N, C-alpha and C. Protein backbone atom coordinates (compact mmCIF):
# COMPACT_ATOMS: atom_id res chain seq x y z
N UNK A 1 92.10 40.85 206.69
CA UNK A 1 91.14 41.16 205.65
C UNK A 1 90.91 42.66 205.56
N UNK A 2 90.71 43.29 206.72
CA UNK A 2 90.52 44.73 206.75
C UNK A 2 91.77 45.45 206.27
N UNK A 3 92.91 44.85 206.60
CA UNK A 3 94.18 45.48 206.19
C UNK A 3 94.31 45.50 204.67
N UNK A 4 93.92 44.41 204.02
CA UNK A 4 93.99 44.35 202.55
C UNK A 4 93.05 45.35 201.91
N UNK A 5 91.86 45.49 202.50
CA UNK A 5 90.91 46.46 201.96
C UNK A 5 91.44 47.87 202.11
N UNK A 6 92.12 48.13 203.24
CA UNK A 6 92.69 49.45 203.46
C UNK A 6 93.80 49.75 202.45
N UNK A 7 94.62 48.70 202.18
CA UNK A 7 95.70 48.89 201.19
C UNK A 7 95.13 49.19 199.79
N UNK A 8 94.05 48.52 199.46
CA UNK A 8 93.44 48.77 198.15
C UNK A 8 92.91 50.19 198.04
N UNK A 9 92.30 50.68 199.17
CA UNK A 9 91.77 52.04 199.14
C UNK A 9 92.89 53.07 199.00
N UNK A 10 93.99 52.79 199.75
CA UNK A 10 95.14 53.71 199.67
C UNK A 10 95.72 53.71 198.26
N UNK A 11 95.83 52.51 197.69
CA UNK A 11 96.36 52.40 196.33
C UNK A 11 95.45 53.11 195.32
N UNK A 12 94.15 52.98 195.50
CA UNK A 12 93.20 53.65 194.59
C UNK A 12 93.30 55.15 194.72
N UNK A 13 93.39 55.63 196.00
CA UNK A 13 93.52 57.07 196.19
C UNK A 13 94.83 57.59 195.61
N UNK A 14 95.90 56.78 195.77
CA UNK A 14 97.19 57.20 195.21
C UNK A 14 97.16 57.30 193.69
N UNK A 15 96.53 56.31 193.08
CA UNK A 15 96.42 56.35 191.62
C UNK A 15 95.58 57.53 191.16
N UNK A 16 94.50 57.80 191.89
CA UNK A 16 93.65 58.94 191.52
C UNK A 16 94.42 60.24 191.65
N UNK A 17 95.19 60.37 192.75
CA UNK A 17 95.98 61.58 192.94
C UNK A 17 97.05 61.71 191.86
N UNK A 18 97.63 60.56 191.52
CA UNK A 18 98.67 60.57 190.47
C UNK A 18 98.10 61.05 189.14
N UNK A 19 96.95 60.52 188.79
CA UNK A 19 96.31 60.93 187.53
C UNK A 19 95.93 62.40 187.55
N UNK A 20 95.43 62.86 188.72
CA UNK A 20 95.03 64.26 188.83
C UNK A 20 96.23 65.19 188.62
N UNK A 21 97.34 64.85 189.32
CA UNK A 21 98.52 65.68 189.19
C UNK A 21 99.13 65.59 187.79
N UNK A 22 99.08 64.41 187.22
CA UNK A 22 99.65 64.22 185.88
C UNK A 22 98.88 65.02 184.82
N UNK A 23 97.57 64.95 184.93
CA UNK A 23 96.75 65.66 183.95
C UNK A 23 96.84 67.17 184.11
N UNK A 24 97.12 67.68 185.26
CA UNK A 24 97.22 69.12 185.50
C UNK A 24 98.65 69.62 185.37
N UNK A 25 99.56 68.79 184.90
CA UNK A 25 100.92 69.24 184.65
C UNK A 25 101.76 69.43 185.88
N UNK A 26 101.30 68.96 187.00
CA UNK A 26 102.06 69.15 188.23
C UNK A 26 103.01 68.00 188.51
N UNK A 27 102.94 66.99 187.74
CA UNK A 27 103.78 65.83 188.01
C UNK A 27 104.15 65.20 186.68
N UNK A 28 105.32 64.78 186.53
CA UNK A 28 105.81 64.13 185.30
C UNK A 28 106.35 62.76 185.66
N UNK A 29 106.24 61.81 184.82
CA UNK A 29 106.69 60.45 185.17
C UNK A 29 108.16 60.44 185.57
N UNK A 30 108.46 59.45 186.37
CA UNK A 30 109.84 59.27 186.79
C UNK A 30 110.65 58.72 185.63
N UNK A 31 111.87 59.21 185.49
CA UNK A 31 112.79 58.69 184.49
C UNK A 31 114.06 58.27 185.20
N UNK A 32 114.82 57.46 184.53
CA UNK A 32 116.03 56.94 185.12
C UNK A 32 117.21 57.74 184.66
N UNK A 33 118.04 58.22 185.54
CA UNK A 33 119.24 58.98 185.21
C UNK A 33 120.36 58.46 186.11
N UNK A 34 121.34 57.86 185.49
CA UNK A 34 122.49 57.31 186.21
C UNK A 34 122.05 56.29 187.27
N UNK A 35 121.04 55.54 186.91
CA UNK A 35 120.60 54.47 187.81
C UNK A 35 119.75 54.95 188.95
N UNK A 36 119.44 56.26 189.03
CA UNK A 36 118.62 56.78 190.10
C UNK A 36 117.31 57.29 189.54
N UNK A 37 116.31 57.17 190.35
CA UNK A 37 115.01 57.68 189.97
C UNK A 37 114.92 59.14 190.35
N UNK A 38 114.67 59.97 189.39
CA UNK A 38 114.52 61.40 189.65
C UNK A 38 113.18 61.84 189.11
N UNK A 39 112.70 62.92 189.62
CA UNK A 39 111.43 63.46 189.17
C UNK A 39 111.69 64.46 188.04
N UNK A 40 111.06 64.20 186.92
CA UNK A 40 111.20 65.11 185.77
C UNK A 40 110.21 66.26 185.93
N UNK A 41 110.71 67.48 185.92
CA UNK A 41 109.81 68.62 186.14
C UNK A 41 108.78 68.73 185.02
N UNK A 42 107.66 69.28 185.38
CA UNK A 42 106.59 69.49 184.38
C UNK A 42 107.04 70.51 183.34
N UNK A 43 106.63 70.36 182.12
CA UNK A 43 107.04 71.30 181.06
C UNK A 43 106.48 72.69 181.28
N UNK A 44 107.31 73.67 180.97
CA UNK A 44 106.89 75.07 181.06
C UNK A 44 105.98 75.40 179.89
N UNK A 45 105.26 76.54 179.95
CA UNK A 45 104.41 76.93 178.80
C UNK A 45 105.20 77.08 177.51
N UNK A 46 106.48 77.58 177.63
CA UNK A 46 107.29 77.72 176.43
C UNK A 46 107.58 76.36 175.82
N UNK A 47 107.89 75.36 176.69
CA UNK A 47 108.18 74.02 176.18
C UNK A 47 106.95 73.39 175.56
N UNK A 48 105.79 73.68 176.16
CA UNK A 48 104.56 73.17 175.56
C UNK A 48 104.37 73.72 174.15
N UNK A 49 104.72 75.01 173.99
CA UNK A 49 104.59 75.62 172.66
C UNK A 49 105.54 74.99 171.67
N UNK A 50 106.77 74.70 172.14
CA UNK A 50 107.76 74.11 171.25
C UNK A 50 107.38 72.70 170.88
N UNK A 51 106.83 71.97 171.84
CA UNK A 51 106.49 70.57 171.58
C UNK A 51 105.05 70.45 171.12
N UNK A 52 104.65 71.34 170.25
CA UNK A 52 103.28 71.28 169.72
C UNK A 52 103.13 70.07 168.83
N UNK A 53 101.94 69.60 168.62
CA UNK A 53 101.72 68.42 167.76
C UNK A 53 102.23 68.66 166.36
N UNK A 54 102.52 67.54 165.69
CA UNK A 54 103.10 67.64 164.36
C UNK A 54 102.16 68.27 163.35
N UNK A 55 100.85 68.10 163.53
CA UNK A 55 99.93 68.61 162.53
C UNK A 55 99.86 70.13 162.52
N UNK A 56 100.48 70.80 163.54
CA UNK A 56 100.49 72.26 163.52
C UNK A 56 101.42 72.79 162.45
N UNK A 57 102.34 71.97 161.93
CA UNK A 57 103.25 72.43 160.87
C UNK A 57 102.47 72.85 159.63
N UNK A 58 101.55 71.99 159.26
CA UNK A 58 100.73 72.32 158.09
C UNK A 58 99.90 73.56 158.34
N UNK A 59 99.41 73.69 159.55
CA UNK A 59 98.58 74.85 159.86
C UNK A 59 99.40 76.12 159.80
N UNK A 60 100.64 76.06 160.34
CA UNK A 60 101.49 77.24 160.28
C UNK A 60 101.86 77.58 158.85
N UNK A 61 102.11 76.54 158.02
CA UNK A 61 102.43 76.80 156.62
C UNK A 61 101.26 77.48 155.92
N UNK A 62 100.05 76.96 156.20
CA UNK A 62 98.89 77.57 155.56
C UNK A 62 98.69 79.00 156.02
N UNK A 63 98.98 79.25 157.33
CA UNK A 63 98.86 80.62 157.82
C UNK A 63 99.89 81.52 157.16
N UNK A 64 101.13 80.99 157.00
CA UNK A 64 102.15 81.80 156.34
C UNK A 64 101.76 82.07 154.89
N UNK A 65 101.18 81.07 154.21
CA UNK A 65 100.74 81.27 152.84
C UNK A 65 99.66 82.34 152.77
N UNK A 66 98.74 82.28 153.75
CA UNK A 66 97.68 83.29 153.77
C UNK A 66 98.26 84.67 154.02
N UNK A 67 99.27 84.74 154.95
CA UNK A 67 99.89 86.03 155.19
C UNK A 67 100.60 86.55 153.95
N UNK A 68 101.30 85.63 153.24
CA UNK A 68 101.98 86.04 152.01
C UNK A 68 100.99 86.55 150.97
N UNK A 69 99.86 85.87 150.88
CA UNK A 69 98.84 86.32 149.92
C UNK A 69 98.34 87.70 150.29
N UNK A 70 98.14 87.93 151.58
CA UNK A 70 97.68 89.24 152.01
C UNK A 70 98.71 90.31 151.70
N UNK A 71 100.01 89.93 151.79
CA UNK A 71 101.05 90.91 151.50
C UNK A 71 101.17 91.19 150.02
N UNK A 72 100.90 90.15 149.16
CA UNK A 72 101.05 90.33 147.72
C UNK A 72 99.87 91.04 147.08
N UNK A 73 98.69 90.89 147.64
CA UNK A 73 97.51 91.47 147.03
C UNK A 73 97.60 92.98 146.86
N UNK A 74 98.06 93.75 147.87
CA UNK A 74 98.17 95.19 147.65
C UNK A 74 99.10 95.54 146.49
N UNK A 75 100.13 94.73 146.26
CA UNK A 75 101.04 94.99 145.14
C UNK A 75 100.30 94.86 143.82
N UNK A 76 99.50 93.79 143.71
CA UNK A 76 98.72 93.62 142.49
C UNK A 76 97.72 94.75 142.34
N UNK A 77 97.14 95.18 143.42
CA UNK A 77 96.16 96.26 143.33
C UNK A 77 96.82 97.56 142.91
N UNK A 78 98.05 97.78 143.35
CA UNK A 78 98.73 99.01 142.99
C UNK A 78 99.08 99.07 141.52
N UNK A 79 99.14 97.88 140.89
CA UNK A 79 99.44 97.86 139.47
C UNK A 79 98.23 98.20 138.62
N UNK A 80 97.08 98.37 139.24
CA UNK A 80 95.89 98.69 138.48
C UNK A 80 95.16 97.43 138.09
N UNK A 81 93.99 97.57 137.52
CA UNK A 81 93.21 96.39 137.12
C UNK A 81 93.91 95.59 136.06
N UNK A 82 93.79 94.27 136.15
CA UNK A 82 94.41 93.40 135.16
C UNK A 82 93.77 93.62 133.81
N UNK A 83 94.55 93.55 132.73
CA UNK A 83 93.99 93.78 131.39
C UNK A 83 92.99 92.71 131.04
N UNK A 84 91.93 93.11 130.42
CA UNK A 84 90.89 92.17 130.00
C UNK A 84 91.27 91.56 128.67
N UNK A 85 90.91 90.26 128.50
CA UNK A 85 91.21 89.58 127.24
C UNK A 85 90.21 89.92 126.15
N UNK A 86 89.09 90.53 126.54
CA UNK A 86 88.10 90.89 125.52
C UNK A 86 88.58 92.09 124.72
N UNK A 87 88.25 92.09 123.45
CA UNK A 87 88.65 93.18 122.58
C UNK A 87 87.75 94.39 122.84
N UNK A 88 88.38 95.52 123.05
CA UNK A 88 87.61 96.73 123.27
C UNK A 88 87.26 97.35 121.93
N UNK A 89 86.04 97.81 121.88
CA UNK A 89 85.59 98.45 120.64
C UNK A 89 86.16 99.85 120.57
N UNK A 90 86.75 100.17 119.45
CA UNK A 90 87.35 101.48 119.23
C UNK A 90 86.39 102.31 118.41
N UNK A 91 86.00 103.46 118.91
CA UNK A 91 85.06 104.27 118.12
C UNK A 91 85.68 104.67 116.81
N UNK A 92 84.92 104.61 115.75
CA UNK A 92 85.48 104.97 114.44
C UNK A 92 85.88 106.42 114.40
N UNK A 93 87.06 106.64 113.89
CA UNK A 93 87.55 108.00 113.79
C UNK A 93 86.94 108.70 112.59
N UNK A 94 86.86 109.98 112.71
CA UNK A 94 86.27 110.75 111.61
C UNK A 94 87.18 110.67 110.39
N UNK A 95 86.62 110.48 109.24
CA UNK A 95 87.45 110.37 108.03
C UNK A 95 88.20 111.66 107.77
N UNK A 96 89.47 111.49 107.45
CA UNK A 96 90.28 112.65 107.15
C UNK A 96 89.99 113.17 105.76
N UNK A 97 90.03 114.46 105.66
CA UNK A 97 89.80 115.06 104.35
C UNK A 97 91.02 114.82 103.47
N UNK A 98 90.77 114.23 102.34
CA UNK A 98 91.85 113.94 101.41
C UNK A 98 92.13 115.15 100.53
N UNK A 99 93.41 115.39 100.41
CA UNK A 99 93.80 116.49 99.53
C UNK A 99 93.60 116.08 98.09
N UNK A 100 93.28 117.00 97.24
CA UNK A 100 93.10 116.66 95.82
C UNK A 100 94.36 116.00 95.27
N UNK A 101 94.20 114.82 94.76
CA UNK A 101 95.35 114.07 94.24
C UNK A 101 95.56 114.37 92.77
N UNK A 102 96.79 114.10 92.35
CA UNK A 102 97.11 114.31 90.94
C UNK A 102 96.40 113.27 90.09
N UNK A 103 96.12 113.54 88.86
CA UNK A 103 95.45 112.56 87.99
C UNK A 103 96.25 111.28 87.92
N UNK A 104 95.55 110.16 87.91
CA UNK A 104 96.21 108.87 87.83
C UNK A 104 96.89 108.72 86.48
N UNK A 105 97.83 107.77 86.46
CA UNK A 105 98.58 107.55 85.22
C UNK A 105 97.65 107.14 84.09
N UNK A 106 96.64 106.30 84.43
CA UNK A 106 95.71 105.87 83.39
C UNK A 106 94.94 107.05 82.83
N UNK A 107 94.53 107.97 83.74
CA UNK A 107 93.79 109.12 83.26
C UNK A 107 94.66 110.01 82.39
N UNK A 108 95.89 110.24 82.85
CA UNK A 108 96.80 111.04 82.04
C UNK A 108 97.07 110.38 80.70
N UNK A 109 97.30 109.07 80.74
CA UNK A 109 97.58 108.35 79.49
C UNK A 109 96.37 108.39 78.58
N UNK A 110 95.16 108.26 79.19
CA UNK A 110 93.96 108.29 78.37
C UNK A 110 93.81 109.62 77.65
N UNK A 111 94.03 110.71 78.37
CA UNK A 111 93.90 112.02 77.72
C UNK A 111 94.99 112.20 76.66
N UNK A 112 96.19 111.71 77.02
CA UNK A 112 97.29 111.86 76.07
C UNK A 112 97.02 111.06 74.80
N UNK A 113 96.58 109.81 74.97
CA UNK A 113 96.35 108.98 73.79
C UNK A 113 95.19 109.51 72.97
N UNK A 114 94.13 109.96 73.67
CA UNK A 114 93.01 110.51 72.92
C UNK A 114 93.43 111.77 72.17
N UNK A 115 94.27 112.59 72.81
CA UNK A 115 94.76 113.78 72.12
C UNK A 115 95.61 113.39 70.92
N UNK A 116 96.40 112.32 71.08
CA UNK A 116 97.22 111.87 69.95
C UNK A 116 96.33 111.43 68.79
N UNK A 117 95.24 110.77 69.11
CA UNK A 117 94.32 110.34 68.05
C UNK A 117 93.71 111.56 67.38
N UNK A 118 93.29 112.52 68.23
CA UNK A 118 92.69 113.73 67.66
C UNK A 118 93.69 114.49 66.79
N UNK A 119 94.93 114.57 67.27
CA UNK A 119 95.95 115.26 66.48
C UNK A 119 96.20 114.56 65.15
N UNK A 120 96.19 113.22 65.22
CA UNK A 120 96.41 112.46 63.98
C UNK A 120 95.26 112.69 63.00
N UNK A 121 94.06 112.76 63.51
CA UNK A 121 92.92 113.04 62.62
C UNK A 121 93.04 114.43 62.00
N UNK A 122 93.44 115.38 62.84
CA UNK A 122 93.56 116.74 62.31
C UNK A 122 94.70 116.87 61.32
N UNK A 123 95.72 116.01 61.47
CA UNK A 123 96.88 116.09 60.57
C UNK A 123 96.59 115.47 59.22
N UNK A 124 95.49 114.75 59.14
CA UNK A 124 95.15 114.15 57.85
C UNK A 124 95.95 112.91 57.54
N UNK A 125 96.43 112.19 58.60
CA UNK A 125 97.19 110.96 58.39
C UNK A 125 96.45 109.79 59.03
N UNK A 126 96.47 108.61 58.40
CA UNK A 126 95.87 107.43 59.01
C UNK A 126 96.57 107.10 60.34
N UNK A 127 95.84 106.39 61.21
CA UNK A 127 96.35 106.05 62.54
C UNK A 127 96.08 104.57 62.81
N UNK A 128 97.13 103.88 63.30
CA UNK A 128 97.00 102.48 63.69
C UNK A 128 97.33 102.37 65.19
N UNK A 129 96.35 101.93 65.98
CA UNK A 129 96.52 101.80 67.43
C UNK A 129 96.66 100.33 67.77
N UNK A 130 97.71 99.99 68.53
CA UNK A 130 97.97 98.60 68.92
C UNK A 130 97.85 98.47 70.44
N UNK A 131 96.83 97.74 70.90
CA UNK A 131 96.67 97.42 72.32
C UNK A 131 97.38 96.09 72.59
N UNK A 132 98.36 96.10 73.50
CA UNK A 132 99.19 94.92 73.73
C UNK A 132 99.53 94.81 75.22
N UNK A 133 100.23 93.72 75.56
CA UNK A 133 100.78 93.52 76.91
C UNK A 133 102.08 92.74 76.78
N UNK A 134 102.98 92.98 77.71
CA UNK A 134 104.29 92.32 77.64
C UNK A 134 104.19 90.81 77.88
N UNK A 135 103.17 90.38 78.59
CA UNK A 135 103.01 88.96 78.86
C UNK A 135 102.27 88.24 77.73
N UNK A 136 101.82 89.00 76.74
CA UNK A 136 101.05 88.44 75.62
C UNK A 136 102.02 88.00 74.52
N UNK A 137 102.11 86.67 74.29
CA UNK A 137 103.03 86.15 73.28
C UNK A 137 102.75 86.66 71.88
N UNK A 138 101.51 86.55 71.37
CA UNK A 138 101.21 87.04 70.02
C UNK A 138 101.47 88.54 69.88
N UNK A 139 101.20 89.29 70.97
CA UNK A 139 101.44 90.74 70.92
C UNK A 139 102.92 91.03 70.69
N UNK A 140 103.78 90.39 71.49
CA UNK A 140 105.21 90.65 71.38
C UNK A 140 105.78 90.09 70.08
N UNK A 141 105.13 89.06 69.54
CA UNK A 141 105.58 88.51 68.26
C UNK A 141 105.22 89.43 67.09
N UNK A 142 104.10 90.15 67.21
CA UNK A 142 103.66 91.03 66.13
C UNK A 142 104.26 92.43 66.23
N UNK A 143 104.73 92.81 67.40
CA UNK A 143 105.20 94.18 67.60
C UNK A 143 106.36 94.56 66.68
N UNK A 144 107.37 93.70 66.47
CA UNK A 144 108.45 94.08 65.54
C UNK A 144 107.95 94.35 64.12
N UNK A 145 106.94 93.62 63.68
CA UNK A 145 106.38 93.84 62.34
C UNK A 145 105.73 95.21 62.26
N UNK A 146 105.00 95.59 63.31
CA UNK A 146 104.36 96.91 63.33
C UNK A 146 105.40 98.02 63.36
N UNK A 147 106.47 97.82 64.12
CA UNK A 147 107.54 98.83 64.15
C UNK A 147 108.19 98.97 62.78
N UNK A 148 108.33 97.85 62.12
CA UNK A 148 108.91 97.88 60.77
C UNK A 148 108.03 98.66 59.81
N UNK A 149 106.71 98.42 59.87
CA UNK A 149 105.79 99.16 59.01
C UNK A 149 105.74 100.63 59.39
N UNK A 150 105.88 100.92 60.68
CA UNK A 150 105.89 102.32 61.10
C UNK A 150 107.08 103.06 60.54
N UNK A 151 108.24 102.41 60.52
CA UNK A 151 109.42 103.05 59.93
C UNK A 151 109.27 103.19 58.41
N UNK A 152 108.68 102.18 57.80
CA UNK A 152 108.54 102.19 56.33
C UNK A 152 107.57 103.27 55.87
N UNK A 153 106.46 103.43 56.64
CA UNK A 153 105.44 104.41 56.23
C UNK A 153 105.38 105.58 57.22
N UNK A 154 106.52 106.01 57.67
CA UNK A 154 106.57 107.05 58.69
C UNK A 154 105.92 108.35 58.22
N UNK A 155 106.02 108.66 56.95
CA UNK A 155 105.46 109.91 56.44
C UNK A 155 103.95 109.83 56.22
N UNK A 156 103.42 108.61 56.14
CA UNK A 156 102.01 108.46 55.80
C UNK A 156 101.18 107.82 56.91
N UNK A 157 101.81 107.39 58.00
CA UNK A 157 101.09 106.62 59.01
C UNK A 157 101.62 106.92 60.42
N UNK A 158 100.68 107.07 61.34
CA UNK A 158 101.02 107.16 62.77
C UNK A 158 100.64 105.85 63.46
N UNK A 159 101.53 105.33 64.31
CA UNK A 159 101.25 104.09 65.05
C UNK A 159 101.43 104.37 66.54
N UNK A 160 100.44 103.96 67.33
CA UNK A 160 100.48 104.10 68.79
C UNK A 160 100.46 102.71 69.43
N UNK A 161 101.41 102.46 70.33
CA UNK A 161 101.44 101.21 71.09
C UNK A 161 100.94 101.51 72.52
N UNK A 162 99.88 100.83 72.95
CA UNK A 162 99.26 101.08 74.25
C UNK A 162 99.31 99.80 75.08
N UNK A 163 100.04 99.85 76.20
CA UNK A 163 100.12 98.72 77.14
C UNK A 163 98.85 98.70 77.99
N UNK A 164 98.08 97.63 77.87
CA UNK A 164 96.79 97.57 78.58
C UNK A 164 96.98 97.49 80.09
N UNK A 165 98.13 97.01 80.57
CA UNK A 165 98.37 96.94 82.01
C UNK A 165 98.64 98.32 82.59
N UNK A 166 99.31 99.15 81.85
CA UNK A 166 99.63 100.50 82.31
C UNK A 166 98.49 101.47 82.05
N UNK A 167 97.70 101.22 81.03
CA UNK A 167 96.64 102.15 80.64
C UNK A 167 95.32 101.38 80.54
N UNK A 168 94.91 100.83 81.68
CA UNK A 168 93.72 99.98 81.70
C UNK A 168 92.45 100.76 81.40
N UNK A 169 92.38 102.02 81.86
CA UNK A 169 91.17 102.81 81.60
C UNK A 169 90.98 103.04 80.11
N UNK A 170 92.05 103.34 79.42
CA UNK A 170 91.96 103.55 77.97
C UNK A 170 91.60 102.25 77.26
N UNK A 171 92.16 101.14 77.73
CA UNK A 171 91.84 99.85 77.12
C UNK A 171 90.37 99.50 77.31
N UNK A 172 89.83 99.78 78.49
CA UNK A 172 88.41 99.51 78.73
C UNK A 172 87.53 100.41 77.88
N UNK A 173 87.95 101.64 77.71
CA UNK A 173 87.15 102.58 76.90
C UNK A 173 87.01 102.09 75.46
N UNK A 174 88.04 101.43 74.97
CA UNK A 174 88.00 100.93 73.58
C UNK A 174 87.69 99.43 73.54
N UNK A 175 87.23 98.88 74.68
CA UNK A 175 86.80 97.48 74.75
C UNK A 175 87.90 96.52 74.29
N UNK A 176 89.10 96.75 74.79
CA UNK A 176 90.23 95.87 74.45
C UNK A 176 90.22 94.67 75.39
N UNK A 177 89.17 93.86 75.28
CA UNK A 177 89.05 92.69 76.14
C UNK A 177 89.94 91.54 75.67
N UNK A 178 90.26 91.52 74.40
CA UNK A 178 91.12 90.48 73.82
C UNK A 178 92.27 91.15 73.09
N UNK A 179 93.47 90.70 73.37
CA UNK A 179 94.65 91.30 72.72
C UNK A 179 95.45 90.20 72.03
N UNK A 180 96.20 90.60 71.01
CA UNK A 180 96.37 91.95 70.49
C UNK A 180 95.11 92.47 69.80
N UNK A 181 94.94 93.79 69.89
CA UNK A 181 93.81 94.47 69.24
C UNK A 181 94.35 95.65 68.46
N UNK A 182 94.00 95.73 67.17
CA UNK A 182 94.43 96.83 66.31
C UNK A 182 93.20 97.63 65.89
N UNK A 183 93.31 98.96 66.03
CA UNK A 183 92.28 99.87 65.55
C UNK A 183 92.88 100.73 64.45
N UNK A 184 92.29 100.69 63.28
CA UNK A 184 92.80 101.44 62.12
C UNK A 184 91.83 102.57 61.79
N UNK A 185 92.36 103.80 61.83
CA UNK A 185 91.57 104.99 61.51
C UNK A 185 92.10 105.58 60.20
N UNK A 186 91.19 106.15 59.43
CA UNK A 186 91.64 106.82 58.21
C UNK A 186 92.07 108.25 58.53
N UNK A 187 92.42 108.99 57.53
CA UNK A 187 92.93 110.35 57.73
C UNK A 187 91.86 111.28 58.29
N UNK A 188 90.59 110.93 58.13
CA UNK A 188 89.49 111.75 58.65
C UNK A 188 89.13 111.39 60.10
N UNK A 189 89.80 110.39 60.67
CA UNK A 189 89.53 109.99 62.05
C UNK A 189 88.43 108.98 62.20
N UNK A 190 87.97 108.43 61.11
CA UNK A 190 86.91 107.42 61.16
C UNK A 190 87.52 106.04 61.34
N UNK A 191 86.84 105.21 62.12
CA UNK A 191 87.31 103.85 62.36
C UNK A 191 87.03 103.01 61.12
N UNK A 192 88.09 102.45 60.56
CA UNK A 192 87.97 101.63 59.34
C UNK A 192 87.96 100.15 59.69
N UNK A 193 88.86 99.72 60.57
CA UNK A 193 88.99 98.29 60.88
C UNK A 193 89.24 98.10 62.37
N UNK A 194 88.63 97.04 62.89
CA UNK A 194 88.90 96.60 64.27
C UNK A 194 89.40 95.16 64.15
N UNK A 195 90.69 94.96 64.39
CA UNK A 195 91.35 93.69 64.11
C UNK A 195 91.80 93.05 65.42
N UNK A 196 91.30 91.86 65.70
CA UNK A 196 91.66 91.14 66.92
C UNK A 196 92.52 89.93 66.58
N UNK A 197 93.55 89.70 67.41
CA UNK A 197 94.42 88.55 67.22
C UNK A 197 95.66 88.89 66.41
N UNK A 198 96.53 87.90 66.34
CA UNK A 198 97.81 88.08 65.62
C UNK A 198 97.57 88.19 64.12
N UNK A 199 98.34 89.10 63.49
CA UNK A 199 98.25 89.28 62.03
C UNK A 199 99.66 89.30 61.46
N UNK A 200 99.82 88.58 60.36
CA UNK A 200 101.11 88.56 59.67
C UNK A 200 101.33 89.87 58.92
N UNK A 201 102.55 90.08 58.45
CA UNK A 201 102.89 91.34 57.78
C UNK A 201 102.05 91.54 56.53
N UNK A 202 101.85 90.47 55.76
CA UNK A 202 101.07 90.61 54.52
C UNK A 202 99.64 91.05 54.82
N UNK A 203 99.05 90.51 55.86
CA UNK A 203 97.68 90.90 56.22
C UNK A 203 97.63 92.36 56.67
N UNK A 204 98.64 92.79 57.38
CA UNK A 204 98.68 94.18 57.83
C UNK A 204 98.81 95.14 56.65
N UNK A 205 99.61 94.76 55.68
CA UNK A 205 99.78 95.61 54.49
C UNK A 205 98.46 95.75 53.76
N UNK A 206 97.71 94.66 53.65
CA UNK A 206 96.41 94.73 52.97
C UNK A 206 95.44 95.65 53.72
N UNK A 207 95.50 95.62 55.05
CA UNK A 207 94.62 96.50 55.81
C UNK A 207 95.02 97.96 55.63
N UNK A 208 96.31 98.23 55.57
CA UNK A 208 96.77 99.61 55.39
C UNK A 208 96.37 100.16 54.02
N UNK A 209 96.23 99.29 53.08
CA UNK A 209 95.81 99.74 51.75
C UNK A 209 94.40 100.31 51.77
N UNK A 210 93.60 99.89 52.77
CA UNK A 210 92.23 100.40 52.87
C UNK A 210 92.20 101.89 53.21
N UNK A 211 93.29 102.39 53.80
CA UNK A 211 93.34 103.81 54.15
C UNK A 211 94.29 104.57 53.22
N UNK A 212 94.59 103.96 52.07
CA UNK A 212 95.38 104.65 51.05
C UNK A 212 96.86 104.53 51.20
N UNK A 213 97.33 103.60 52.02
CA UNK A 213 98.78 103.43 52.18
C UNK A 213 99.21 102.29 51.26
N UNK A 214 100.12 102.63 50.30
CA UNK A 214 100.59 101.64 49.32
C UNK A 214 102.05 101.28 49.60
């Protein structure tokens, strides 16, 4: 009986010693090699580092990512601050002084046409002014008739054709809001007739008779 108790105590002490040595890395389990039991040496510190747990892989990857981020940040900083998406307000520049420009075509045409009217009045000849546009059907339909009358009464009548698109200022001055528009002046420069709309040749001849053209 005492012998059995002694064996149990020895076995308990042996197990305790085994666990102590195993936990402190001084003893490694026995392995079988060629049918013989050999003692496997305890792992060295280098081997412990190599046989690290699997979850250290993710940790090392995260550390490498952090290191890469630290290496890339100075590069971004060296490029200067990133451009902002907000629109920057640009201070208004001082207006440039404009050089005196040449008179506009409408102004030149207005002076020219007015001078032509004045010259016609001074010449003692009646004047017929036709305000028209190329896109105006009645205007273009009546224009050949006016040219015909101009050739027929060339010695007694002056005719001016004014394109309202090219000479808008002159057209506004004479209130040519509706075209075709005919203005008939006598030899003294007085306005005799203001005729709006298309007119046939016979009607035009009757109007010219009012200023002494037969």
